[in-house]
Amino acid sequence: MSIVDNLEKMLAHGRDSALLRYTLGGEYLKAGDAASAVAHLAEAVRQDPHYSAAWKIYGKALTEAGRPDEARRVYEQGITTAEARGDIQAAKEMRVFLKRLKKATQTP
């Protein structure tokens, strides 16, 4: 049984939490399933809007899912959230990801 299977089993048994969704999202992202990652990470930030790390990989998942406009909005929200919490490193990383995303999606 894989990590994802174990996590999904926990979710199915009612042990839902922002941390579980964040972990599931990260595992799906590692496995190349950006769509499933997006769904779990969206739920993670819905359950805990102050979860800086979840905002960061949510943006990454949206980028990998080919949804750059949504990723841009998520990174912007994540930066605001991280700064409000004093999570300077997460804000800094999201600024870098946002800058790369903007550069990659510019039209000549």
PDB file of N, CA and C in Angstrom:
ATOM      1  N   MET A   1       0.857  -1.190   0.000  1.00  0.00           N
ATOM      2  CA  MET A   1       0.000   0.000   0.000  1.00  0.00           C
ATOM      3  C   MET A   1       0.896   1.243   0.000  1.00  0.00           C
ATOM      4  N   SER A   2       0.597   2.193  -0.875  1.00  0.00           N
ATOM      5  CA  SER A   2       1.408   3.395  -1.000  1.00  0.00           C
ATOM      6  C   SER A   2       1.044   4.438   0.062  1.00  0.00           C
ATOM      7  N   ILE A   3       1.869   5.462   0.146  1.00  0.00           N
ATOM      8  CA  ILE A   3       1.597   6.569   1.068  1.00  0.00           C
ATOM      9  C   ILE A   3       0.253   7.208   0.712  1.00  0.00           C
ATOM     10  N   VAL A   4       0.025   7.418  -0.576  1.00  0.00           N
ATOM     11  CA  VAL A   4      -1.239   8.018  -1.016  1.00  0.00           C
ATOM     12  C   VAL A   4      -2.416   7.149  -0.593  1.00  0.00           C
ATOM     13  N   ASP A   5      -2.286   5.837  -0.773  1.00  0.00           N
ATOM     14  CA  ASP A   5      -3.366   4.928  -0.367  1.00  0.00           C
ATOM     15  C   ASP A   5      -3.656   5.059   1.127  1.00  0.00           C
ATOM     16  N   ASN A   6      -2.593   5.090   1.927  1.00  0.00           N
ATOM     17  CA  ASN A   6      -2.766   5.228   3.375  1.00  0.00           C
ATOM     18  C   ASN A   6      -3.437   6.552   3.742  1.00  0.00           C
ATOM     19  N   LEU A   7      -3.007   7.624   3.088  1.00  0.00           N
ATOM     20  CA  LEU A   7      -3.586   8.941   3.368  1.00  0.00           C
ATOM     21  C   LEU A   7      -5.047   9.004   2.930  1.00  0.00           C
ATOM     22  N   GLU A   8      -5.335   8.437   1.762  1.00  0.00           N
ATOM     23  CA  GLU A   8      -6.721   8.416   1.275  1.00  0.00           C
ATOM     24  C   GLU A   8      -7.608   7.599   2.219  1.00  0.00           C
ATOM     25  N   LYS A   9      -7.046   6.531   2.768  1.00  0.00           N
ATOM     26  CA  LYS A   9      -7.785   5.700   3.714  1.00  0.00           C
ATOM     27  C   LYS A   9      -8.113   6.514   4.975  1.00  0.00           C
ATOM     28  N   MET A  10      -7.142   7.288   5.460  1.00  0.00           N
ATOM     29  CA  MET A  10      -7.383   8.151   6.622  1.00  0.00           C
ATOM     30  C   MET A  10      -8.502   9.143   6.325  1.00  0.00           C
ATOM     31  N   LEU A  11      -8.463   9.727   5.137  1.00  0.00           N
ATOM     32  CA  LEU A  11      -9.481  10.692   4.725  1.00  0.00           C
ATOM     33  C   LEU A  11     -10.853  10.018   4.672  1.00  0.00           C
ATOM     34  N   ALA A  12     -10.894   8.832   4.101  1.00  0.00           N
ATOM     35  CA  ALA A  12     -12.158   8.090   3.988  1.00  0.00           C
ATOM     36  C   ALA A  12     -12.742   7.739   5.351  1.00  0.00           C
ATOM     37  N   HIS A  13     -11.890   7.622   6.348  1.00  0.00           N
ATOM     38  CA  HIS A  13     -12.348   7.307   7.704  1.00  0.00           C
ATOM     39  C   HIS A  13     -12.637   8.565   8.523  1.00  0.00           C
ATOM     40  N   GLY A  14     -12.766   9.710   7.847  1.00  0.00           N
ATOM     41  CA  GLY A  14     -13.186  10.929   8.524  1.00  0.00           C
ATOM     42  C   GLY A  14     -12.094  11.697   9.243  1.00  0.00           C
ATOM     43  N   ARG A  15     -10.847  11.402   8.949  1.00  0.00           N
ATOM     44  CA  ARG A  15      -9.756  12.089   9.628  1.00  0.00           C
ATOM     45  C   ARG A  15      -9.249  13.264   8.789  1.00  0.00           C
ATOM     46  N   ASP A  16     -10.172  14.035   8.264  1.00  0.00           N
ATOM     47  CA  ASP A  16      -9.849  15.159   7.395  1.00  0.00           C
ATOM     48  C   ASP A  16      -9.234  16.297   8.198  1.00  0.00           C
ATOM     49  N   SER A  17      -8.195  16.917   7.622  1.00  0.00           N
ATOM     50  CA  SER A  17      -7.568  18.086   8.230  1.00  0.00           C
ATOM     51  C   SER A  17      -6.758  18.802   7.161  1.00  0.00           C
ATOM     52  N   ALA A  18      -6.404  20.038   7.440  1.00  0.00           N
ATOM     53  CA  ALA A  18      -5.580  20.790   6.500  1.00  0.00           C
ATOM     54  C   ALA A  18      -4.231  20.098   6.302  1.00  0.00           C
ATOM     55  N   LEU A  19      -3.661  19.564   7.375  1.00  0.00           N
ATOM     56  CA  LEU A  19      -2.374  18.866   7.266  1.00  0.00           C
ATOM     57  C   LEU A  19      -2.490  17.619   6.391  1.00  0.00           C
ATOM     58  N   LEU A  20      -3.557  16.849   6.570  1.00  0.00           N
ATOM     59  CA  LEU A  20      -3.756  15.660   5.746  1.00  0.00           C
ATOM     60  C   LEU A  20      -3.905  16.060   4.278  1.00  0.00           C
ATOM     61  N   ARG A  21      -4.695  17.083   4.016  1.00  0.00           N
ATOM     62  CA  ARG A  21      -4.895  17.529   2.629  1.00  0.00           C
ATOM     63  C   ARG A  21      -3.593  18.055   2.019  1.00  0.00           C
ATOM     64  N   TYR A  22      -2.815  18.788   2.816  1.00  0.00           N
ATOM     65  CA  TYR A  22      -1.520  19.300   2.362  1.00  0.00           C
ATOM     66  C   TYR A  22      -0.597  18.135   1.993  1.00  0.00           C
ATOM     67  N   THR A  23      -0.543  17.138   2.855  1.00  0.00           N
ATOM     68  CA  THR A  23       0.317  15.984   2.621  1.00  0.00           C
ATOM     69  C   THR A  23      -0.138  15.203   1.392  1.00  0.00           C
ATOM     70  N   LEU A  24      -1.444  14.986   1.275  1.00  0.00           N
ATOM     71  CA  LEU A  24      -1.982  14.305   0.093  1.00  0.00           C
ATOM     72  C   LEU A  24      -1.668  15.087  -1.175  1.00  0.00           C
ATOM     73  N   GLY A  25      -1.876  16.390  -1.120  1.00  0.00           N
ATOM     74  CA  GLY A  25      -1.585  17.227  -2.280  1.00  0.00           C
ATOM     75  C   GLY A  25      -0.129  17.120  -2.698  1.00  0.00           C
ATOM     76  N   GLY A  26       0.757  17.153  -1.725  1.00  0.00           N
ATOM     77  CA  GLY A  26       2.184  17.036  -2.016  1.00  0.00           C
ATOM     78  C   GLY A  26       2.542  15.690  -2.615  1.00  0.00           C
ATOM     79  N   GLU A  27       1.948  14.631  -2.105  1.00  0.00           N
ATOM     80  CA  GLU A  27       2.220  13.288  -2.628  1.00  0.00           C
ATOM     81  C   GLU A  27       1.686  13.133  -4.055  1.00  0.00           C
ATOM     82  N   TYR A  28       0.478  13.653  -4.301  1.00  0.00           N
ATOM     83  CA  TYR A  28      -0.056  13.594  -5.664  1.00  0.00           C
ATOM     84  C   TYR A  28       0.815  14.406  -6.622  1.00  0.00           C
ATOM     85  N   LEU A  29       1.312  15.538  -6.160  1.00  0.00           N
ATOM     86  CA  LEU A  29       2.168  16.370  -7.001  1.00  0.00           C
ATOM     87  C   LEU A  29       3.455  15.619  -7.347  1.00  0.00           C
ATOM     88  N   LYS A  30       4.055  14.967  -6.352  1.00  0.00           N
ATOM     89  CA  LYS A  30       5.269  14.166  -6.593  1.00  0.00           C
ATOM     90  C   LYS A  30       4.994  13.049  -7.595  1.00  0.00           C
ATOM     91  N   ALA A  31       3.792  12.496  -7.558  1.00  0.00           N
ATOM     92  CA  ALA A  31       3.418  11.393  -8.449  1.00  0.00           C
ATOM     93  C   ALA A  31       3.028  11.878  -9.844  1.00  0.00           C
ATOM     94  N   GLY A  32       3.006  13.195 -10.051  1.00  0.00           N
ATOM     95  CA  GLY A  32       2.666  13.734 -11.366  1.00  0.00           C
ATOM     96  C   GLY A  32       1.184  13.921 -11.618  1.00  0.00           C
ATOM     97  N   ASP A  33       0.381  13.834 -10.565  1.00  0.00           N
ATOM     98  CA  ASP A  33      -1.064  14.009 -10.689  1.00  0.00           C
ATOM     99  C   ASP A  33      -1.440  15.390 -10.153  1.00  0.00           C
ATOM    100  N   ALA A  34      -1.175  16.407 -10.978  1.00  0.00           N
ATOM    101  CA  ALA A  34      -1.397  17.792 -10.554  1.00  0.00           C
ATOM    102  C   ALA A  34      -2.867  18.078 -10.277  1.00  0.00           C
ATOM    103  N   ALA A  35      -3.776  17.473 -11.036  1.00  0.00           N
ATOM    104  CA  ALA A  35      -5.206  17.732 -10.841  1.00  0.00           C
ATOM    105  C   ALA A  35      -5.668  17.284  -9.455  1.00  0.00           C
ATOM    106  N   SER A  36      -5.254  16.092  -9.037  1.00  0.00           N
ATOM    107  CA  SER A  36      -5.618  15.630  -7.692  1.00  0.00           C
ATOM    108  C   SER A  36      -4.946  16.481  -6.633  1.00  0.00           C
ATOM    109  N   ALA A  37      -3.696  16.872  -6.892  1.00  0.00           N
ATOM    110  CA  ALA A  37      -2.973  17.738  -5.950  1.00  0.00           C
ATOM    111  C   ALA A  37      -3.721  19.043  -5.753  1.00  0.00           C
ATOM    112  N   VAL A  38      -4.174  19.646  -6.843  1.00  0.00           N
ATOM    113  CA  VAL A  38      -4.902  20.917  -6.770  1.00  0.00           C
ATOM    114  C   VAL A  38      -6.139  20.779  -5.889  1.00  0.00           C
ATOM    115  N   ALA A  39      -6.895  19.714  -6.096  1.00  0.00           N
ATOM    116  CA  ALA A  39      -8.128  19.525  -5.325  1.00  0.00           C
ATOM    117  C   ALA A  39      -7.846  19.443  -3.824  1.00  0.00           C
ATOM    118  N   HIS A  40      -6.836  18.684  -3.440  1.00  0.00           N
ATOM    119  CA  HIS A  40      -6.522  18.533  -2.010  1.00  0.00           C
ATOM    120  C   HIS A  40      -5.919  19.811  -1.425  1.00  0.00           C
ATOM    121  N   LEU A  41      -5.087  20.491  -2.187  1.00  0.00           N
ATOM    122  CA  LEU A  41      -4.469  21.717  -1.678  1.00  0.00           C
ATOM    123  C   LEU A  41      -5.481  22.855  -1.566  1.00  0.00           C
ATOM    124  N   ALA A  42      -6.445  22.897  -2.491  1.00  0.00           N
ATOM    125  CA  ALA A  42      -7.521  23.885  -2.386  1.00  0.00           C
ATOM    126  C   ALA A  42      -8.290  23.669  -1.089  1.00  0.00           C
ATOM    127  N   GLU A  43      -8.524  22.411  -0.761  1.00  0.00           N
ATOM    128  CA  GLU A  43      -9.228  22.092   0.478  1.00  0.00           C
ATOM    129  C   GLU A  43      -8.363  22.417   1.696  1.00  0.00           C
ATOM    130  N   ALA A  44      -7.069  22.200   1.597  1.00  0.00           N
ATOM    131  CA  ALA A  44      -6.164  22.517   2.723  1.00  0.00           C
ATOM    132  C   ALA A  44      -6.230  24.003   3.063  1.00  0.00           C
ATOM    133  N   VAL A  45      -6.163  24.872   2.053  1.00  0.00           N
ATOM    134  CA  VAL A  45      -6.200  26.311   2.341  1.00  0.00           C
ATOM    135  C   VAL A  45      -7.608  26.785   2.684  1.00  0.00           C
ATOM    136  N   ARG A  46      -8.620  26.048   2.240  1.00  0.00           N
ATOM    137  CA  ARG A  46      -9.978  26.387   2.665  1.00  0.00           C
ATOM    138  C   ARG A  46     -10.118  26.097   4.161  1.00  0.00           C
ATOM    139  N   GLN A  47      -9.607  24.950   4.592  1.00  0.00           N
ATOM    140  CA  GLN A  47      -9.702  24.582   6.004  1.00  0.00           C
ATOM    141  C   GLN A  47      -8.816  25.451   6.891  1.00  0.00           C
ATOM    142  N   ASP A  48      -7.637  25.834   6.392  1.00  0.00           N
ATOM    143  CA  ASP A  48      -6.720  26.679   7.158  1.00  0.00           C
ATOM    144  C   ASP A  48      -6.130  27.732   6.234  1.00  0.00           C
ATOM    145  N   PRO A  49      -6.807  28.887   6.120  1.00  0.00           N
ATOM    146  CA  PRO A  49      -6.355  29.931   5.202  1.00  0.00           C
ATOM    147  C   PRO A  49      -5.000  30.544   5.583  1.00  0.00           C
ATOM    148  N   HIS A  50      -4.480  30.199   6.744  1.00  0.00           N
ATOM    149  CA  HIS A  50      -3.200  30.752   7.199  1.00  0.00           C
ATOM    150  C   HIS A  50      -2.040  29.791   6.990  1.00  0.00           C
ATOM    151  N   TYR A  51      -2.249  28.720   6.253  1.00  0.00           N
ATOM    152  CA  TYR A  51      -1.263  27.658   6.057  1.00  0.00           C
ATOM    153  C   TYR A  51      -0.328  28.020   4.894  1.00  0.00           C
ATOM    154  N   SER A  52       0.730  28.755   5.204  1.00  0.00           N
ATOM    155  CA  SER A  52       1.650  29.275   4.184  1.00  0.00           C
ATOM    156  C   SER A  52       2.209  28.193   3.267  1.00  0.00           C
ATOM    157  N   ALA A  53       2.645  27.087   3.843  1.00  0.00           N
ATOM    158  CA  ALA A  53       3.239  26.014   3.039  1.00  0.00           C
ATOM    159  C   ALA A  53       2.232  25.435   2.050  1.00  0.00           C
ATOM    160  N   ALA A  54       0.977  25.359   2.456  1.00  0.00           N
ATOM    161  CA  ALA A  54      -0.058  24.838   1.553  1.00  0.00           C
ATOM    162  C   ALA A  54      -0.281  25.793   0.387  1.00  0.00           C
ATOM    163  N   TRP A  55      -0.279  27.101   0.662  1.00  0.00           N
ATOM    164  CA  TRP A  55      -0.430  28.075  -0.429  1.00  0.00           C
ATOM    165  C   TRP A  55       0.703  27.905  -1.441  1.00  0.00           C
ATOM    166  N   LYS A  56       1.913  27.677  -0.932  1.00  0.00           N
ATOM    167  CA  LYS A  56       3.084  27.571  -1.808  1.00  0.00           C
ATOM    168  C   LYS A  56       2.954  26.397  -2.764  1.00  0.00           C
ATOM    169  N   ILE A  57       2.635  25.199  -2.251  1.00  0.00           N
ATOM    170  CA  ILE A  57       2.566  24.075  -3.187  1.00  0.00           C
ATOM    171  C   ILE A  57       1.245  24.051  -3.967  1.00  0.00           C
ATOM    172  N   TYR A  58       0.239  24.740  -3.456  1.00  0.00           N
ATOM    173  CA  TYR A  58      -1.005  24.908  -4.229  1.00  0.00           C
ATOM    174  C   TYR A  58      -0.691  25.676  -5.512  1.00  0.00           C
ATOM    175  N   GLY A  59       0.073  26.744  -5.397  1.00  0.00           N
ATOM    176  CA  GLY A  59       0.482  27.503  -6.583  1.00  0.00           C
ATOM    177  C   GLY A  59       1.284  26.651  -7.548  1.00  0.00           C
ATOM    178  N   LYS A  60       2.184  25.850  -7.005  1.00  0.00           N
ATOM    179  CA  LYS A  60       3.003  24.967  -7.839  1.00  0.00           C
ATOM    180  C   LYS A  60       2.120  23.945  -8.556  1.00  0.00           C
ATOM    181  N   ALA A  61       1.157  23.372  -7.844  1.00  0.00           N
ATOM    182  CA  ALA A  61       0.257  22.386  -8.455  1.00  0.00           C
ATOM    183  C   ALA A  61      -0.567  23.014  -9.578  1.00  0.00           C
ATOM    184  N   LEU A  62      -1.061  24.212  -9.354  1.00  0.00           N
ATOM    185  CA  LEU A  62      -1.831  24.900 -10.397  1.00  0.00           C
ATOM    186  C   LEU A  62      -0.958  25.180 -11.617  1.00  0.00           C
ATOM    187  N   THR A  63       0.285  25.568 -11.375  1.00  0.00           N
ATOM    188  CA  THR A  63       1.214  25.817 -12.484  1.00  0.00           C
ATOM    189  C   THR A  63       1.411  24.528 -13.285  1.00  0.00           C
ATOM    190  N   GLU A  64       1.667  23.427 -12.578  1.00  0.00           N
ATOM    191  CA  GLU A  64       1.883  22.146 -13.255  1.00  0.00           C
ATOM    192  C   GLU A  64       0.615  21.636 -13.938  1.00  0.00           C
ATOM    193  N   ALA A  65      -0.540  22.064 -13.453  1.00  0.00           N
ATOM    194  CA  ALA A  65      -1.808  21.663 -14.072  1.00  0.00           C
ATOM    195  C   ALA A  65      -2.155  22.548 -15.276  1.00  0.00           C
ATOM    196  N   GLY A  66      -1.275  23.495 -15.598  1.00  0.00           N
ATOM    197  CA  GLY A  66      -1.517  24.359 -16.747  1.00  0.00           C
ATOM    198  C   GLY A  66      -2.545  25.440 -16.484  1.00  0.00           C
ATOM    199  N   ARG A  67      -2.613  25.906 -15.237  1.00  0.00           N
ATOM    200  CA  ARG A  67      -3.582  26.937 -14.846  1.00  0.00           C
ATOM    201  C   ARG A  67      -2.839  28.152 -14.287  1.00  0.00           C
ATOM    202  N   PRO A  68      -2.068  28.844 -15.134  1.00  0.00           N
ATOM    203  CA  PRO A  68      -1.194  29.917 -14.662  1.00  0.00           C
ATOM    204  C   PRO A  68      -1.917  31.114 -14.038  1.00  0.00           C
ATOM    205  N   ASP A  69      -3.075  31.475 -14.545  1.00  0.00           N
ATOM    206  CA  ASP A  69      -3.788  32.625 -13.968  1.00  0.00           C
ATOM    207  C   ASP A  69      -4.209  32.338 -12.528  1.00  0.00           C
ATOM    208  N   GLU A  70      -4.710  31.130 -12.305  1.00  0.00           N
ATOM    209  CA  GLU A  70      -5.087  30.746 -10.941  1.00  0.00           C
ATOM    210  C   GLU A  70      -3.848  30.632 -10.057  1.00  0.00           C
ATOM    211  N   ALA A  71      -2.772  30.100 -10.601  1.00  0.00           N
ATOM    212  CA  ALA A  71      -1.529  29.969  -9.837  1.00  0.00           C
ATOM    213  C   ALA A  71      -1.033  31.348  -9.402  1.00  0.00           C
ATOM    214  N   ARG A  72      -1.119  32.316 -10.296  1.00  0.00           N
ATOM    215  CA  ARG A  72      -0.694  33.686  -9.977  1.00  0.00           C
ATOM    216  C   ARG A  72      -1.503  34.229  -8.803  1.00  0.00           C
ATOM    217  N   ARG A  73      -2.816  34.046  -8.838  1.00  0.00           N
ATOM    218  CA  ARG A  73      -3.668  34.536  -7.740  1.00  0.00           C
ATOM    219  C   ARG A  73      -3.357  33.807  -6.428  1.00  0.00           C
ATOM    220  N   VAL A  74      -3.110  32.511  -6.516  1.00  0.00           N
ATOM    221  CA  VAL A  74      -2.795  31.731  -5.316  1.00  0.00           C
ATOM    222  C   VAL A  74      -1.463  32.182  -4.726  1.00  0.00           C
ATOM    223  N   TYR A  75      -0.463  32.386  -5.561  1.00  0.00           N
ATOM    224  CA  TYR A  75       0.823  32.872  -5.042  1.00  0.00           C
ATOM    225  C   TYR A  75       0.667  34.243  -4.385  1.00  0.00           C
ATOM    226  N   GLU A  76      -0.105  35.121  -5.014  1.00  0.00           N
ATOM    227  CA  GLU A  76      -0.312  36.456  -4.429  1.00  0.00           C
ATOM    228  C   GLU A  76      -0.996  36.356  -3.066  1.00  0.00           C
ATOM    229  N   GLN A  77      -2.017  35.499  -2.966  1.00  0.00           N
ATOM    230  CA  GLN A  77      -2.696  35.298  -1.687  1.00  0.00           C
ATOM    231  C   GLN A  77      -1.743  34.653  -0.683  1.00  0.00           C
ATOM    232  N   GLY A  78      -0.963  33.702  -1.148  1.00  0.00           N
ATOM    233  CA  GLY A  78      -0.006  33.019  -0.281  1.00  0.00           C
ATOM    234  C   GLY A  78       1.045  33.967   0.273  1.00  0.00           C
ATOM    235  N   ILE A  79       1.518  34.875  -0.550  1.00  0.00           N
ATOM    236  CA  ILE A  79       2.510  35.864  -0.103  1.00  0.00           C
ATOM    237  C   ILE A  79       1.902  36.747   0.980  1.00  0.00           C
ATOM    238  N   THR A  80       0.686  37.224   0.749  1.00  0.00           N
ATOM    239  CA  THR A  80      -0.013  38.054   1.737  1.00  0.00           C
ATOM    240  C   THR A  80      -0.181  37.287   3.047  1.00  0.00           C
ATOM    241  N   THR A  81      -0.600  36.046   2.940  1.00  0.00           N
ATOM    242  CA  THR A  81      -0.806  35.203   4.121  1.00  0.00           C
ATOM    243  C   THR A  81       0.503  34.980   4.871  1.00  0.00           C
ATOM    244  N   ALA A  82       1.546  34.616   4.138  1.00  0.00           N
ATOM    245  CA  ALA A  82       2.840  34.330   4.772  1.00  0.00           C
ATOM    246  C   ALA A  82       3.397  35.576   5.461  1.00  0.00           C
ATOM    247  N   GLU A  83       3.285  36.717   4.804  1.00  0.00           N
ATOM    248  CA  GLU A  83       3.788  37.955   5.407  1.00  0.00           C
ATOM    249  C   GLU A  83       3.025  38.296   6.676  1.00  0.00           C
ATOM    250  N   ALA A  84       1.721  38.099   6.655  1.00  0.00           N
ATOM    251  CA  ALA A  84       0.899  38.393   7.834  1.00  0.00           C
ATOM    252  C   ALA A  84       1.285  37.503   9.012  1.00  0.00           C
ATOM    253  N   ARG A  85       1.762  36.303   8.725  1.00  0.00           N
ATOM    254  CA  ARG A  85       2.161  35.357   9.779  1.00  0.00           C
ATOM    255  C   ARG A  85       3.629  35.504  10.152  1.00  0.00           C
ATOM    256  N   GLY A  86       4.359  36.344   9.431  1.00  0.00           N
ATOM    257  CA  GLY A  86       5.788  36.483   9.695  1.00  0.00           C
ATOM    258  C   GLY A  86       6.596  35.340   9.109  1.00  0.00           C
ATOM    259  N   ASP A  87       6.006  34.617   8.170  1.00  0.00           N
ATOM    260  CA  ASP A  87       6.678  33.492   7.529  1.00  0.00           C
ATOM    261  C   ASP A  87       7.441  34.015   6.312  1.00  0.00           C
ATOM    262  N   ILE A  88       8.542  34.681   6.597  1.00  0.00           N
ATOM    263  CA  ILE A  88       9.294  35.402   5.576  1.00  0.00           C
ATOM    264  C   ILE A  88       9.860  34.474   4.496  1.00  0.00           C
ATOM    265  N   GLN A  89      10.360  33.302   4.895  1.00  0.00           N
ATOM    266  CA  GLN A  89      10.950  32.383   3.917  1.00  0.00           C
ATOM    267  C   GLN A  89       9.898  31.900   2.908  1.00  0.00           C
ATOM    268  N   ALA A  90       8.727  31.536   3.376  1.00  0.00           N
ATOM    269  CA  ALA A  90       7.677  31.088   2.456  1.00  0.00           C
ATOM    270  C   ALA A  90       7.268  32.215   1.510  1.00  0.00           C
ATOM    271  N   ALA A  91       7.147  33.437   2.034  1.00  0.00           N
ATOM    272  CA  ALA A  91       6.797  34.584   1.191  1.00  0.00           C
ATOM    273  C   ALA A  91       7.870  34.808   0.131  1.00  0.00           C
ATOM    274  N   LYS A  92       9.121  34.708   0.537  1.00  0.00           N
ATOM    275  CA  LYS A  92      10.241  34.911  -0.387  1.00  0.00           C
ATOM    276  C   LYS A  92      10.205  33.866  -1.506  1.00  0.00           C
ATOM    277  N   GLU A  93       9.998  32.592  -1.129  1.00  0.00           N
ATOM    278  CA  GLU A  93       9.942  31.522  -2.131  1.00  0.00           C
ATOM    279  C   GLU A  93       8.779  31.730  -3.098  1.00  0.00           C
ATOM    280  N   MET A  94       7.622  32.123  -2.580  1.00  0.00           N
ATOM    281  CA  MET A  94       6.466  32.339  -3.461  1.00  0.00           C
ATOM    282  C   MET A  94       6.692  33.523  -4.388  1.00  0.00           C
ATOM    283  N   ARG A  95       7.406  34.550  -3.919  1.00  0.00           N
ATOM    284  CA  ARG A  95       7.725  35.674  -4.809  1.00  0.00           C
ATOM    285  C   ARG A  95       8.588  35.197  -5.980  1.00  0.00           C
ATOM    286  N   VAL A  96       9.549  34.326  -5.695  1.00  0.00           N
ATOM    287  CA  VAL A  96      10.405  33.778  -6.754  1.00  0.00           C
ATOM    288  C   VAL A  96       9.560  32.961  -7.732  1.00  0.00           C
ATOM    289  N   PHE A  97       8.689  32.086  -7.212  1.00  0.00           N
ATOM    290  CA  PHE A  97       7.840  31.270  -8.081  1.00  0.00           C
ATOM    291  C   PHE A  97       6.911  32.149  -8.923  1.00  0.00           C
ATOM    292  N   LEU A  98       6.364  33.196  -8.312  1.00  0.00           N
ATOM    293  CA  LEU A  98       5.466  34.108  -9.022  1.00  0.00           C
ATOM    294  C   LEU A  98       6.215  34.835 -10.137  1.00  0.00           C
ATOM    295  N   LYS A  99       7.422  35.274  -9.838  1.00  0.00           N
ATOM    296  CA  LYS A  99       8.229  35.967 -10.844  1.00  0.00           C
ATOM    297  C   LYS A  99       8.519  35.038 -12.027  1.00  0.00           C
ATOM    298  N   ARG A 100       8.884  33.794 -11.735  1.00  0.00           N
ATOM    299  CA  ARG A 100       9.151  32.812 -12.800  1.00  0.00           C
ATOM    300  C   ARG A 100       7.900  32.548 -13.623  1.00  0.00           C
ATOM    301  N   LEU A 101       6.759  32.428 -12.940  1.00  0.00           N
ATOM    302  CA  LEU A 101       5.501  32.163 -13.627  1.00  0.00           C
ATOM    303  C   LEU A 101       5.158  33.324 -14.562  1.00  0.00           C
ATOM    304  N   LYS A 102       5.292  34.545 -14.068  1.00  0.00           N
ATOM    305  CA  LYS A 102       4.984  35.717 -14.890  1.00  0.00           C
ATOM    306  C   LYS A 102       5.908  35.766 -16.116  1.00  0.00           C
ATOM    307  N   LYS A 103       7.178  35.466 -15.906  1.00  0.00           N
ATOM    308  CA  LYS A 103       8.126  35.483 -17.010  1.00  0.00           C
ATOM    309  C   LYS A 103       7.795  34.403 -18.029  1.00  0.00           C
ATOM    310  N   ALA A 104       7.420  33.214 -17.554  1.00  0.00           N
ATOM    311  CA  ALA A 104       7.116  32.092 -18.447  1.00  0.00           C
ATOM    312  C   ALA A 104       5.828  32.290 -19.241  1.00  0.00           C
ATOM    313  N   THR A 105       4.906  33.103 -18.707  1.00  0.00           N
ATOM    314  CA  THR A 105       3.615  33.254 -19.366  1.00  0.00           C
ATOM    315  C   THR A 105       3.475  34.582 -20.115  1.00  0.00           C
ATOM    316  N   GLN A 106       4.569  35.330 -20.203  1.00  0.00           N
ATOM    317  CA  GLN A 106       4.517  36.581 -20.960  1.00  0.00           C
ATOM    318  C   GLN A 106       4.409  36.262 -22.449  1.00  0.00           C
ATOM    319  N   THR A 107       3.611  37.067 -23.125  1.00  0.00           N
ATOM    320  CA  THR A 107       3.501  36.894 -24.580  1.00  0.00           C
ATOM    321  C   THR A 107       4.396  37.928 -25.251  1.00  0.00           C
ATOM    322  N   PRO A 108       5.150  37.495 -26.263  1.00  0.00           N
ATOM    323  CA  PRO A 108       6.077  38.420 -26.932  1.00  0.00           C
ATOM    324  C   PRO A 108       5.370  39.484 -27.728  1.00  0.00           C
TER     325      PRO A 108
END
